Amino acid sequence: MRWSDDLAMPLRTLDVHLEVGCVADLGTAPSASTTARLATLYPSSLMIFGSDLGHTDYPSYREGVTAWYEGIEPHVGATVLEKIMTTNGRHLLDG
Protein backbone atom coordinates (compact mmCIF):
# COMPACT_ATOMS: atom_id res chain seq x y z
CA MET A 1 0.00 0.00 0.00
CA ARG A 2 1.32 3.42 -0.91
CA TRP A 3 1.24 6.29 1.56
CA SER A 4 -1.51 8.87 1.17
CA ASP A 5 -1.32 12.19 3.01
CA ASP A 6 -5.05 11.78 3.71
CA LEU A 7 -4.13 9.04 6.19
CA ALA A 8 -2.10 11.35 8.41
CA MET A 9 -4.95 12.81 10.47
CA PRO A 10 -6.86 9.57 11.20
CA LEU A 11 -3.62 7.76 12.13
CA ARG A 12 -2.41 10.70 14.19
CA THR A 13 -5.69 10.71 16.10
CA LEU A 14 -5.05 7.06 17.03
CA ASP A 15 -1.41 7.81 18.07
CA VAL A 16 -0.13 5.39 15.42
CA HIS A 17 3.65 5.21 15.14
CA LEU A 18 4.94 5.34 11.56
CA GLU A 19 8.17 3.75 10.39
CA VAL A 20 10.21 6.10 8.21
CA GLY A 21 13.61 5.67 6.70
CA CYS A 22 16.08 5.11 3.98
CA VAL A 23 14.44 2.68 1.59
CA ALA A 24 11.23 4.71 1.28
CA ASP A 25 13.34 7.72 0.34
CA LEU A 26 15.83 6.04 -2.02
CA GLY A 27 15.90 7.65 -5.45
CA THR A 28 14.06 10.82 -4.46
CA ALA A 29 15.39 14.29 -3.84
CA PRO A 30 15.61 14.89 -0.07
CA SER A 31 13.10 17.74 -0.23
CA ALA A 32 10.59 15.40 -1.95
CA SER A 33 11.20 12.43 0.31
CA THR A 34 8.47 10.66 2.23
CA THR A 35 10.25 11.44 5.50
CA ALA A 36 10.52 15.18 4.79
CA ARG A 37 6.84 15.32 3.78
CA LEU A 38 5.70 13.33 6.81
CA ALA A 39 7.64 15.64 9.10
CA THR A 40 5.32 18.46 8.02
CA LEU A 41 2.14 16.39 8.51
CA TYR A 42 2.82 14.12 11.44
CA PRO A 43 4.18 14.57 14.96
CA SER A 44 7.85 13.63 15.07
CA SER A 45 7.18 11.89 18.39
CA LEU A 46 5.18 9.26 16.46
CA MET A 47 7.82 8.59 13.81
CA ILE A 48 10.24 5.63 14.20
CA PHE A 49 13.34 4.94 12.10
CA GLY A 50 13.64 1.80 10.00
CA SER A 51 15.70 0.91 6.99
CA ASP A 52 15.62 -2.47 5.18
CA LEU A 53 19.14 -1.62 4.01
CA GLY A 54 21.59 -4.46 3.61
CA HIS A 55 19.86 -6.21 0.73
CA THR A 56 22.04 -6.68 -2.35
CA ASP A 57 20.02 -4.16 -4.37
CA TYR A 58 20.45 -1.39 -1.78
CA PRO A 59 23.45 0.53 -0.48
CA SER A 60 25.26 -0.75 2.60
CA TYR A 61 23.73 0.23 5.91
CA ARG A 62 26.47 2.77 6.62
CA GLU A 63 26.23 4.35 3.14
CA GLY A 64 22.44 4.39 3.10
CA VAL A 65 21.90 5.81 6.57
CA THR A 66 24.62 8.43 6.10
CA ALA A 67 23.20 9.61 2.76
CA TRP A 68 19.64 9.57 4.11
CA TYR A 69 20.59 11.53 7.24
CA GLU A 70 22.61 14.12 5.32
CA GLY A 71 19.80 14.62 2.81
CA ILE A 72 16.95 14.83 5.32
CA GLU A 73 18.62 16.77 8.15
CA PRO A 74 18.44 20.19 6.42
CA HIS A 75 14.67 19.69 5.99
CA VAL A 76 13.68 18.39 9.43
CA GLY A 77 16.61 19.30 11.70
CA ALA A 78 19.06 17.27 13.75
CA THR A 79 16.87 17.24 16.87
CA VAL A 80 13.90 15.72 15.03
CA LEU A 81 16.13 13.12 13.35
CA GLU A 82 17.69 12.16 16.68
CA LYS A 83 14.23 11.54 18.13
CA ILE A 84 13.13 9.54 15.09
CA MET A 85 16.31 7.44 15.06
CA THR A 86 16.73 6.80 18.80
CA THR A 87 14.43 8.21 21.45
CA ASN A 88 11.05 7.39 19.92
CA GLY A 89 11.85 3.71 19.46
CA ARG A 90 13.11 3.40 23.02
CA HIS A 91 9.99 5.06 24.40
CA LEU A 92 7.77 2.79 22.32
CA LEU A 93 9.55 -0.33 23.59
CA ASP A 94 9.54 0.89 27.20
CA GLY A 95 5.75 1.13 27.00
PDB file of N, CA and C in Angstrom:
ATOM      1  N   MET A   1       0.846  -1.184   0.000  1.00  0.00           N
ATOM      2  CA  MET A   1       0.000   0.000   0.000  1.00  0.00           C
ATOM      3  C   MET A   1       0.884   1.238   0.000  1.00  0.00           C
ATOM      4  N   ARG A   2       0.579   2.168  -0.856  1.00  0.00           N
ATOM      5  CA  ARG A   2       1.319   3.423  -0.912  1.00  0.00           C
ATOM      6  C   ARG A   2       0.763   4.392   0.128  1.00  0.00           C
ATOM      7  N   TRP A   3       1.651   5.278   0.606  1.00  0.00           N
ATOM      8  CA  TRP A   3       1.242   6.291   1.562  1.00  0.00           C
ATOM      9  C   TRP A   3       0.355   7.327   0.882  1.00  0.00           C
ATOM     10  N   SER A   4      -0.654   7.770   1.607  1.00  0.00           N
ATOM     11  CA  SER A   4      -1.505   8.867   1.175  1.00  0.00           C
ATOM     12  C   SER A   4      -1.528   9.887   2.305  1.00  0.00           C
ATOM     13  N   ASP A   5      -1.303  11.155   1.984  1.00  0.00           N
ATOM     14  CA  ASP A   5      -1.316  12.194   3.009  1.00  0.00           C
ATOM     15  C   ASP A   5      -2.662  12.270   3.725  1.00  0.00           C
ATOM     16  N   ASP A   6      -3.720  11.790   3.081  1.00  0.00           N
ATOM     17  CA  ASP A   6      -5.045  11.779   3.705  1.00  0.00           C
ATOM     18  C   ASP A   6      -5.101  10.861   4.924  1.00  0.00           C
ATOM     19  N   LEU A   7      -4.157   9.953   5.041  1.00  0.00           N
ATOM     20  CA  LEU A   7      -4.129   9.037   6.188  1.00  0.00           C
ATOM     21  C   LEU A   7      -3.538   9.669   7.437  1.00  0.00           C
ATOM     22  N   ALA A   8      -2.818  10.756   7.281  1.00  0.00           N
ATOM     23  CA  ALA A   8      -2.098  11.351   8.412  1.00  0.00           C
ATOM     24  C   ALA A   8      -3.018  11.679   9.586  1.00  0.00           C
ATOM     25  N   MET A   9      -4.094  12.383   9.358  1.00  0.00           N
ATOM     26  CA  MET A   9      -4.947  12.813  10.467  1.00  0.00           C
ATOM     27  C   MET A   9      -5.618  11.634  11.183  1.00  0.00           C
ATOM     28  N   PRO A  10      -6.244  10.687  10.474  1.00  0.00           N
ATOM     29  CA  PRO A  10      -6.856   9.565  11.196  1.00  0.00           C
ATOM     30  C   PRO A  10      -5.822   8.749  11.993  1.00  0.00           C
ATOM     31  N   LEU A  11      -4.647   8.529  11.424  1.00  0.00           N
ATOM     32  CA  LEU A  11      -3.621   7.763  12.132  1.00  0.00           C
ATOM     33  C   LEU A  11      -3.068   8.546  13.308  1.00  0.00           C
ATOM     34  N   ARG A  12      -2.891   9.828  13.120  1.00  0.00           N
ATOM     35  CA  ARG A  12      -2.405  10.696  14.195  1.00  0.00           C
ATOM     36  C   ARG A  12      -3.381  10.693  15.368  1.00  0.00           C
ATOM     37  N   THR A  13      -4.662  10.727  15.057  1.00  0.00           N
ATOM     38  CA  THR A  13      -5.694  10.711  16.103  1.00  0.00           C
ATOM     39  C   THR A  13      -5.600   9.444  16.949  1.00  0.00           C
ATOM     40  N   LEU A  14      -5.186   8.344  16.334  1.00  0.00           N
ATOM     41  CA  LEU A  14      -5.047   7.063  17.031  1.00  0.00           C
ATOM     42  C   LEU A  14      -3.659   6.879  17.659  1.00  0.00           C
ATOM     43  N   ASP A  15      -2.793   7.891  17.567  1.00  0.00           N
ATOM     44  CA  ASP A  15      -1.410   7.813  18.066  1.00  0.00           C
ATOM     45  C   ASP A  15      -0.621   6.667  17.440  1.00  0.00           C
ATOM     46  N   VAL A  16      -0.839   6.436  16.145  1.00  0.00           N
ATOM     47  CA  VAL A  16      -0.133   5.388  15.418  1.00  0.00           C
ATOM     48  C   VAL A  16       1.301   5.834  15.157  1.00  0.00           C
ATOM     49  N   HIS A  17       2.253   4.956  15.458  1.00  0.00           N
ATOM     50  CA  HIS A  17       3.653   5.210  15.142  1.00  0.00           C
ATOM     51  C   HIS A  17       3.919   4.780  13.703  1.00  0.00           C
ATOM     52  N   LEU A  18       4.612   5.638  12.953  1.00  0.00           N
ATOM     53  CA  LEU A  18       4.943   5.344  11.564  1.00  0.00           C
ATOM     54  C   LEU A  18       6.435   5.059  11.437  1.00  0.00           C
ATOM     55  N   GLU A  19       6.776   4.031  10.677  1.00  0.00           N
ATOM     56  CA  GLU A  19       8.172   3.745  10.385  1.00  0.00           C
ATOM     57  C   GLU A  19       8.583   4.572   9.169  1.00  0.00           C
ATOM     58  N   VAL A  20       9.664   5.308   9.307  1.00  0.00           N
ATOM     59  CA  VAL A  20      10.209   6.099   8.206  1.00  0.00           C
ATOM     60  C   VAL A  20      11.676   5.735   8.038  1.00  0.00           C
ATOM     61  N   GLY A  21      12.193   5.938   6.855  1.00  0.00           N
ATOM     62  CA  GLY A  21      13.610   5.673   6.701  1.00  0.00           C
ATOM     63  C   GLY A  21      14.091   5.601   5.288  1.00  0.00           C
ATOM     64  N   CYS A  22      15.268   5.067   5.194  1.00  0.00           N
ATOM     65  CA  CYS A  22      16.076   5.111   3.983  1.00  0.00           C
ATOM     66  C   CYS A  22      15.410   4.543   2.746  1.00  0.00           C
ATOM     67  N   VAL A  23      14.922   3.340   2.794  1.00  0.00           N
ATOM     68  CA  VAL A  23      14.436   2.675   1.593  1.00  0.00           C
ATOM     69  C   VAL A  23      13.255   3.428   0.983  1.00  0.00           C
ATOM     70  N   ALA A  24      12.363   3.945   1.800  1.00  0.00           N
ATOM     71  CA  ALA A  24      11.225   4.708   1.276  1.00  0.00           C
ATOM     72  C   ALA A  24      11.680   5.962   0.543  1.00  0.00           C
ATOM     73  N   ASP A  25      12.851   6.472   0.914  1.00  0.00           N
ATOM     74  CA  ASP A  25      13.344   7.717   0.336  1.00  0.00           C
ATOM     75  C   ASP A  25      14.393   7.518  -0.755  1.00  0.00           C
ATOM     76  N   LEU A  26      14.822   6.283  -1.000  1.00  0.00           N
ATOM     77  CA  LEU A  26      15.832   6.044  -2.025  1.00  0.00           C
ATOM     78  C   LEU A  26      15.350   6.534  -3.387  1.00  0.00           C
ATOM     79  N   GLY A  27      16.216   7.222  -4.094  1.00  0.00           N
ATOM     80  CA  GLY A  27      15.901   7.652  -5.447  1.00  0.00           C
ATOM     81  C   GLY A  27      15.071   8.915  -5.538  1.00  0.00           C
ATOM     82  N   THR A  28      14.792   9.558  -4.412  1.00  0.00           N
ATOM     83  CA  THR A  28      14.056  10.820  -4.458  1.00  0.00           C
ATOM     84  C   THR A  28      14.943  11.940  -3.952  1.00  0.00           C
ATOM     85  N   ALA A  29      14.679  13.138  -4.381  1.00  0.00           N
ATOM     86  CA  ALA A  29      15.386  14.292  -3.838  1.00  0.00           C
ATOM     87  C   ALA A  29      14.997  14.432  -2.375  1.00  0.00           C
ATOM     88  N   PRO A  30      15.945  14.788  -1.495  1.00  0.00           N
ATOM     89  CA  PRO A  30      15.609  14.891  -0.066  1.00  0.00           C
ATOM     90  C   PRO A  30      14.396  15.764   0.225  1.00  0.00           C
ATOM     91  N   SER A  31      14.235  16.859  -0.497  1.00  0.00           N
ATOM     92  CA  SER A  31      13.096  17.735  -0.229  1.00  0.00           C
ATOM     93  C   SER A  31      11.768  17.096  -0.630  1.00  0.00           C
ATOM     94  N   ALA A  32      11.805  16.083  -1.507  1.00  0.00           N
ATOM     95  CA  ALA A  32      10.587  15.399  -1.951  1.00  0.00           C
ATOM     96  C   ALA A  32      10.411  14.054  -1.269  1.00  0.00           C
ATOM     97  N   SER A  33      11.239  13.745  -0.311  1.00  0.00           N
ATOM     98  CA  SER A  33      11.203  12.429   0.312  1.00  0.00           C
ATOM     99  C   SER A  33       9.954  12.241   1.161  1.00  0.00           C
ATOM    100  N   THR A  34       9.601  10.994   1.364  1.00  0.00           N
ATOM    101  CA  THR A  34       8.474  10.657   2.232  1.00  0.00           C
ATOM    102  C   THR A  34       8.716  11.171   3.641  1.00  0.00           C
ATOM    103  N   THR A  35       9.932  10.999   4.144  1.00  0.00           N
ATOM    104  CA  THR A  35      10.245  11.440   5.504  1.00  0.00           C
ATOM    105  C   THR A  35      10.095  12.950   5.648  1.00  0.00           C
ATOM    106  N   ALA A  36      10.635  13.718   4.709  1.00  0.00           N
ATOM    107  CA  ALA A  36      10.524  15.177   4.791  1.00  0.00           C
ATOM    108  C   ALA A  36       9.058  15.608   4.740  1.00  0.00           C
ATOM    109  N   ARG A  37       8.269  14.978   3.885  1.00  0.00           N
ATOM    110  CA  ARG A  37       6.842  15.320   3.783  1.00  0.00           C
ATOM    111  C   ARG A  37       6.099  14.946   5.062  1.00  0.00           C
ATOM    112  N   LEU A  38       6.372  13.752   5.576  1.00  0.00           N
ATOM    113  CA  LEU A  38       5.700  13.331   6.808  1.00  0.00           C
ATOM    114  C   LEU A  38       6.027  14.251   7.982  1.00  0.00           C
ATOM    115  N   ALA A  39       7.240  14.764   8.005  1.00  0.00           N
ATOM    116  CA  ALA A  39       7.640  15.643   9.104  1.00  0.00           C
ATOM    117  C   ALA A  39       6.806  16.918   9.142  1.00  0.00           C
ATOM    118  N   THR A  40       6.195  17.289   8.031  1.00  0.00           N
ATOM    119  CA  THR A  40       5.322  18.464   8.015  1.00  0.00           C
ATOM    120  C   THR A  40       3.876  18.117   8.368  1.00  0.00           C
ATOM    121  N   LEU A  41       3.530  16.826   8.299  1.00  0.00           N
ATOM    122  CA  LEU A  41       2.142  16.392   8.512  1.00  0.00           C
ATOM    123  C   LEU A  41       1.915  15.655   9.822  1.00  0.00           C
ATOM    124  N   TYR A  42       2.962  15.098  10.374  1.00  0.00           N
ATOM    125  CA  TYR A  42       2.821  14.120  11.438  1.00  0.00           C
ATOM    126  C   TYR A  42       3.736  14.489  12.598  1.00  0.00           C
ATOM    127  N   PRO A  43       3.312  14.243  13.828  1.00  0.00           N
ATOM    128  CA  PRO A  43       4.176  14.573  14.958  1.00  0.00           C
ATOM    129  C   PRO A  43       5.457  13.727  14.935  1.00  0.00           C
ATOM    130  N   SER A  44       6.580  14.372  15.087  1.00  0.00           N
ATOM    131  CA  SER A  44       7.847  13.630  15.069  1.00  0.00           C
ATOM    132  C   SER A  44       7.916  12.611  16.204  1.00  0.00           C
ATOM    133  N   SER A  45       7.177  12.834  17.255  1.00  0.00           N
ATOM    134  CA  SER A  45       7.175  11.889  18.387  1.00  0.00           C
ATOM    135  C   SER A  45       6.551  10.546  18.020  1.00  0.00           C
ATOM    136  N   LEU A  46       5.815  10.493  16.899  1.00  0.00           N
ATOM    137  CA  LEU A  46       5.178   9.257  16.456  1.00  0.00           C
ATOM    138  C   LEU A  46       5.872   8.644  15.241  1.00  0.00           C
ATOM    139  N   MET A  47       7.073   9.111  14.945  1.00  0.00           N
ATOM    140  CA  MET A  47       7.825   8.593  13.815  1.00  0.00           C
ATOM    141  C   MET A  47       9.011   7.786  14.324  1.00  0.00           C
ATOM    142  N   ILE A  48       9.194   6.569  13.774  1.00  0.00           N
ATOM    143  CA  ILE A  48      10.237   5.634  14.197  1.00  0.00           C
ATOM    144  C   ILE A  48      11.102   5.291  12.988  1.00  0.00           C
ATOM    145  N   PHE A  49      12.416   5.249  13.187  1.00  0.00           N
ATOM    146  CA  PHE A  49      13.341   4.944  12.096  1.00  0.00           C
ATOM    147  C   PHE A  49      13.363   3.453  11.778  1.00  0.00           C
ATOM    148  N   GLY A  50      13.443   3.162  10.491  1.00  0.00           N
ATOM    149  CA  GLY A  50      13.635   1.804  10.002  1.00  0.00           C
ATOM    150  C   GLY A  50      14.422   1.884   8.711  1.00  0.00           C
ATOM    151  N   SER A  51      14.914   0.752   8.207  1.00  0.00           N
ATOM    152  CA  SER A  51      15.699   0.910   6.993  1.00  0.00           C
ATOM    153  C   SER A  51      15.473  -0.157   5.933  1.00  0.00           C
ATOM    154  N   ASP A  52      15.603  -1.399   6.183  1.00  0.00           N
ATOM    155  CA  ASP A  52      15.620  -2.465   5.175  1.00  0.00           C
ATOM    156  C   ASP A  52      16.895  -2.445   4.346  1.00  0.00           C
ATOM    157  N   LEU A  53      17.863  -1.623   4.711  1.00  0.00           N
ATOM    158  CA  LEU A  53      19.141  -1.623   4.006  1.00  0.00           C
ATOM    159  C   LEU A  53      19.862  -2.929   4.279  1.00  0.00           C
ATOM    160  N   GLY A  54      20.829  -3.234   3.440  1.00  0.00           N
ATOM    161  CA  GLY A  54      21.592  -4.461   3.609  1.00  0.00           C
ATOM    162  C   GLY A  54      21.269  -5.493   2.546  1.00  0.00           C
ATOM    163  N   HIS A  55      20.171  -5.330   1.851  1.00  0.00           N
ATOM    164  CA  HIS A  55      19.864  -6.208   0.729  1.00  0.00           C
ATOM    165  C   HIS A  55      20.835  -5.907  -0.411  1.00  0.00           C
ATOM    166  N   THR A  56      21.059  -6.865  -1.282  1.00  0.00           N
ATOM    167  CA  THR A  56      22.035  -6.683  -2.351  1.00  0.00           C
ATOM    168  C   THR A  56      21.683  -5.555  -3.317  1.00  0.00           C
ATOM    169  N   ASP A  57      20.418  -5.212  -3.452  1.00  0.00           N
ATOM    170  CA  ASP A  57      20.017  -4.157  -4.373  1.00  0.00           C
ATOM    171  C   ASP A  57      20.072  -2.759  -3.752  1.00  0.00           C
ATOM    172  N   TYR A  58      20.414  -2.666  -2.482  1.00  0.00           N
ATOM    173  CA  TYR A  58      20.449  -1.387  -1.784  1.00  0.00           C
ATOM    174  C   TYR A  58      21.877  -1.072  -1.343  1.00  0.00           C
ATOM    175  N   PRO A  59      22.129   0.188  -1.013  1.00  0.00           N
ATOM    176  CA  PRO A  59      23.453   0.533  -0.480  1.00  0.00           C
ATOM    177  C   PRO A  59      23.699  -0.186   0.845  1.00  0.00           C
ATOM    178  N   SER A  60      24.952  -0.200   1.280  1.00  0.00           N
ATOM    179  CA  SER A  60      25.258  -0.755   2.597  1.00  0.00           C
ATOM    180  C   SER A  60      24.542   0.082   3.655  1.00  0.00           C
ATOM    181  N   TYR A  61      24.408  -0.489   4.835  1.00  0.00           N
ATOM    182  CA  TYR A  61      23.726   0.229   5.909  1.00  0.00           C
ATOM    183  C   TYR A  61      24.413   1.564   6.184  1.00  0.00           C
ATOM    184  N   ARG A  62      25.725   1.544   6.319  1.00  0.00           N
ATOM    185  CA  ARG A  62      26.470   2.772   6.619  1.00  0.00           C
ATOM    186  C   ARG A  62      26.263   3.818   5.515  1.00  0.00           C
ATOM    187  N   GLU A  63      26.401   3.419   4.257  1.00  0.00           N
ATOM    188  CA  GLU A  63      26.225   4.353   3.141  1.00  0.00           C
ATOM    189  C   GLU A  63      24.795   4.891   3.071  1.00  0.00           C
ATOM    190  N   GLY A  64      23.839   4.002   3.214  1.00  0.00           N
ATOM    191  CA  GLY A  64      22.438   4.394   3.105  1.00  0.00           C
ATOM    192  C   GLY A  64      21.982   5.321   4.206  1.00  0.00           C
ATOM    193  N   VAL A  65      22.316   4.978   5.442  1.00  0.00           N
ATOM    194  CA  VAL A  65      21.899   5.813   6.570  1.00  0.00           C
ATOM    195  C   VAL A  65      22.592   7.173   6.513  1.00  0.00           C
ATOM    196  N   THR A  66      23.876   7.166   6.189  1.00  0.00           N
ATOM    197  CA  THR A  66      24.616   8.432   6.095  1.00  0.00           C
ATOM    198  C   THR A  66      24.019   9.338   5.025  1.00  0.00           C
ATOM    199  N   ALA A  67      23.780   8.806   3.845  1.00  0.00           N
ATOM    200  CA  ALA A  67      23.200   9.605   2.758  1.00  0.00           C
ATOM    201  C   ALA A  67      21.798  10.089   3.128  1.00  0.00           C
ATOM    202  N   TRP A  68      21.001   9.206   3.715  1.00  0.00           N
ATOM    203  CA  TRP A  68      19.636   9.569   4.111  1.00  0.00           C
ATOM    204  C   TRP A  68      19.671  10.696   5.141  1.00  0.00           C
ATOM    205  N   TYR A  69      20.489  10.535   6.180  1.00  0.00           N
ATOM    206  CA  TYR A  69      20.587  11.532   7.243  1.00  0.00           C
ATOM    207  C   TYR A  69      21.026  12.883   6.670  1.00  0.00           C
ATOM    208  N   GLU A  70      22.080  12.870   5.875  1.00  0.00           N
ATOM    209  CA  GLU A  70      22.608  14.116   5.319  1.00  0.00           C
ATOM    210  C   GLU A  70      21.610  14.804   4.390  1.00  0.00           C
ATOM    211  N   GLY A  71      20.805  14.037   3.696  1.00  0.00           N
ATOM    212  CA  GLY A  71      19.800  14.623   2.815  1.00  0.00           C
ATOM    213  C   GLY A  71      18.581  15.149   3.542  1.00  0.00           C
ATOM    214  N   ILE A  72      18.176  14.466   4.605  1.00  0.00           N
ATOM    215  CA  ILE A  72      16.950  14.827   5.321  1.00  0.00           C
ATOM    216  C   ILE A  72      17.187  15.893   6.391  1.00  0.00           C
ATOM    217  N   GLU A  73      18.342  15.876   7.017  1.00  0.00           N
ATOM    218  CA  GLU A  73      18.621  16.773   8.147  1.00  0.00           C
ATOM    219  C   GLU A  73      18.355  18.249   7.840  1.00  0.00           C
ATOM    220  N   PRO A  74      18.743  18.777   6.681  1.00  0.00           N
ATOM    221  CA  PRO A  74      18.437  20.189   6.418  1.00  0.00           C
ATOM    222  C   PRO A  74      16.936  20.491   6.363  1.00  0.00           C
ATOM    223  N   HIS A  75      16.117  19.484   6.134  1.00  0.00           N
ATOM    224  CA  HIS A  75      14.672  19.695   5.994  1.00  0.00           C
ATOM    225  C   HIS A  75      13.912  19.505   7.303  1.00  0.00           C
ATOM    226  N   VAL A  76      14.419  18.660   8.189  1.00  0.00           N
ATOM    227  CA  VAL A  76      13.680  18.395   9.428  1.00  0.00           C
ATOM    228  C   VAL A  76      14.471  18.767  10.681  1.00  0.00           C
ATOM    229  N   GLY A  77      15.775  18.919  10.567  1.00  0.00           N
ATOM    230  CA  GLY A  77      16.609  19.299  11.704  1.00  0.00           C
ATOM    231  C   GLY A  77      17.189  18.102  12.443  1.00  0.00           C
ATOM    232  N   ALA A  78      18.341  18.326  13.044  1.00  0.00           N
ATOM    233  CA  ALA A  78      19.057  17.271  13.753  1.00  0.00           C
ATOM    234  C   ALA A  78      18.291  16.770  14.967  1.00  0.00           C
ATOM    235  N   THR A  79      17.612  17.648  15.666  1.00  0.00           N
ATOM    236  CA  THR A  79      16.872  17.242  16.870  1.00  0.00           C
ATOM    237  C   THR A  79      15.739  16.284  16.520  1.00  0.00           C
ATOM    238  N   VAL A  80      14.997  16.595  15.471  1.00  0.00           N
ATOM    239  CA  VAL A  80      13.899  15.718  15.032  1.00  0.00           C
ATOM    240  C   VAL A  80      14.464  14.372  14.588  1.00  0.00           C
ATOM    241  N   LEU A  81      15.546  14.380  13.807  1.00  0.00           N
ATOM    242  CA  LEU A  81      16.129  13.121  13.350  1.00  0.00           C
ATOM    243  C   LEU A  81      16.640  12.284  14.509  1.00  0.00           C
ATOM    244  N   GLU A  82      17.226  12.920  15.511  1.00  0.00           N
ATOM    245  CA  GLU A  82      17.694  12.162  16.676  1.00  0.00           C
ATOM    246  C   GLU A  82      16.527  11.458  17.365  1.00  0.00           C
ATOM    247  N   LYS A  83      15.418  12.151  17.516  1.00  0.00           N
ATOM    248  CA  LYS A  83      14.234  11.538  18.132  1.00  0.00           C
ATOM    249  C   LYS A  83      13.724  10.369  17.294  1.00  0.00           C
ATOM    250  N   ILE A  84      13.633  10.588  15.986  1.00  0.00           N
ATOM    251  CA  ILE A  84      13.129   9.541  15.092  1.00  0.00           C
ATOM    252  C   ILE A  84      14.039   8.319  15.125  1.00  0.00           C
ATOM    253  N   MET A  85      15.350   8.542  15.171  1.00  0.00           N
ATOM    254  CA  MET A  85      16.305   7.436  15.062  1.00  0.00           C
ATOM    255  C   MET A  85      16.613   6.759  16.393  1.00  0.00           C
ATOM    256  N   THR A  86      16.337   7.389  17.511  1.00  0.00           N
ATOM    257  CA  THR A  86      16.733   6.796  18.802  1.00  0.00           C
ATOM    258  C   THR A  86      15.627   6.842  19.850  1.00  0.00           C
ATOM    259  N   THR A  87      15.308   8.015  20.289  1.00  0.00           N
ATOM    260  CA  THR A  87      14.434   8.207  21.448  1.00  0.00           C
ATOM    261  C   THR A  87      13.044   7.617  21.266  1.00  0.00           C
ATOM    262  N   ASN A  88      12.428   7.853  20.122  1.00  0.00           N
ATOM    263  CA  ASN A  88      11.050   7.388  19.915  1.00  0.00           C
ATOM    264  C   ASN A  88      10.934   5.868  19.991  1.00  0.00           C
ATOM    265  N   GLY A  89      11.873   5.171  19.395  1.00  0.00           N
ATOM    266  CA  GLY A  89      11.849   3.711  19.456  1.00  0.00           C
ATOM    267  C   GLY A  89      12.016   3.195  20.868  1.00  0.00           C
ATOM    268  N   ARG A  90      12.916   3.812  21.620  1.00  0.00           N
ATOM    269  CA  ARG A  90      13.113   3.397  23.022  1.00  0.00           C
ATOM    270  C   ARG A  90      11.852   3.621  23.830  1.00  0.00           C
ATOM    271  N   HIS A  91      11.214   4.773  23.652  1.00  0.00           N
ATOM    272  CA  HIS A  91       9.986   5.062  24.397  1.00  0.00           C
ATOM    273  C   HIS A  91       8.869   4.096  24.023  1.00  0.00           C
ATOM    274  N   LEU A  92       8.785   3.738  22.763  1.00  0.00           N
ATOM    275  CA  LEU A  92       7.768   2.794  22.320  1.00  0.00           C
ATOM    276  C   LEU A  92       7.990   1.431  22.959  1.00  0.00           C
ATOM    277  N   LEU A  93       9.230   0.979  23.005  1.00  0.00           N
ATOM    278  CA  LEU A  93       9.546  -0.329  23.589  1.00  0.00           C
ATOM    279  C   LEU A  93       9.415  -0.345  25.101  1.00  0.00           C
ATOM    280  N   ASP A  94       9.659   0.801  25.737  1.00  0.00           N
ATOM    281  CA  ASP A  94       9.535   0.889  27.196  1.00  0.00           C
ATOM    282  C   ASP A  94       8.076   0.889  27.656  1.00  0.00           C
ATOM    283  N   GLY A  95       7.170   1.159  26.708  1.00  0.00           N
ATOM    284  CA  GLY A  95       5.751   1.126  27.003  1.00  0.00           C
ATOM    285  C   GLY A  95       5.324   2.291  27.783  1.00  0.00           C
TER     286      GLY A  95
END
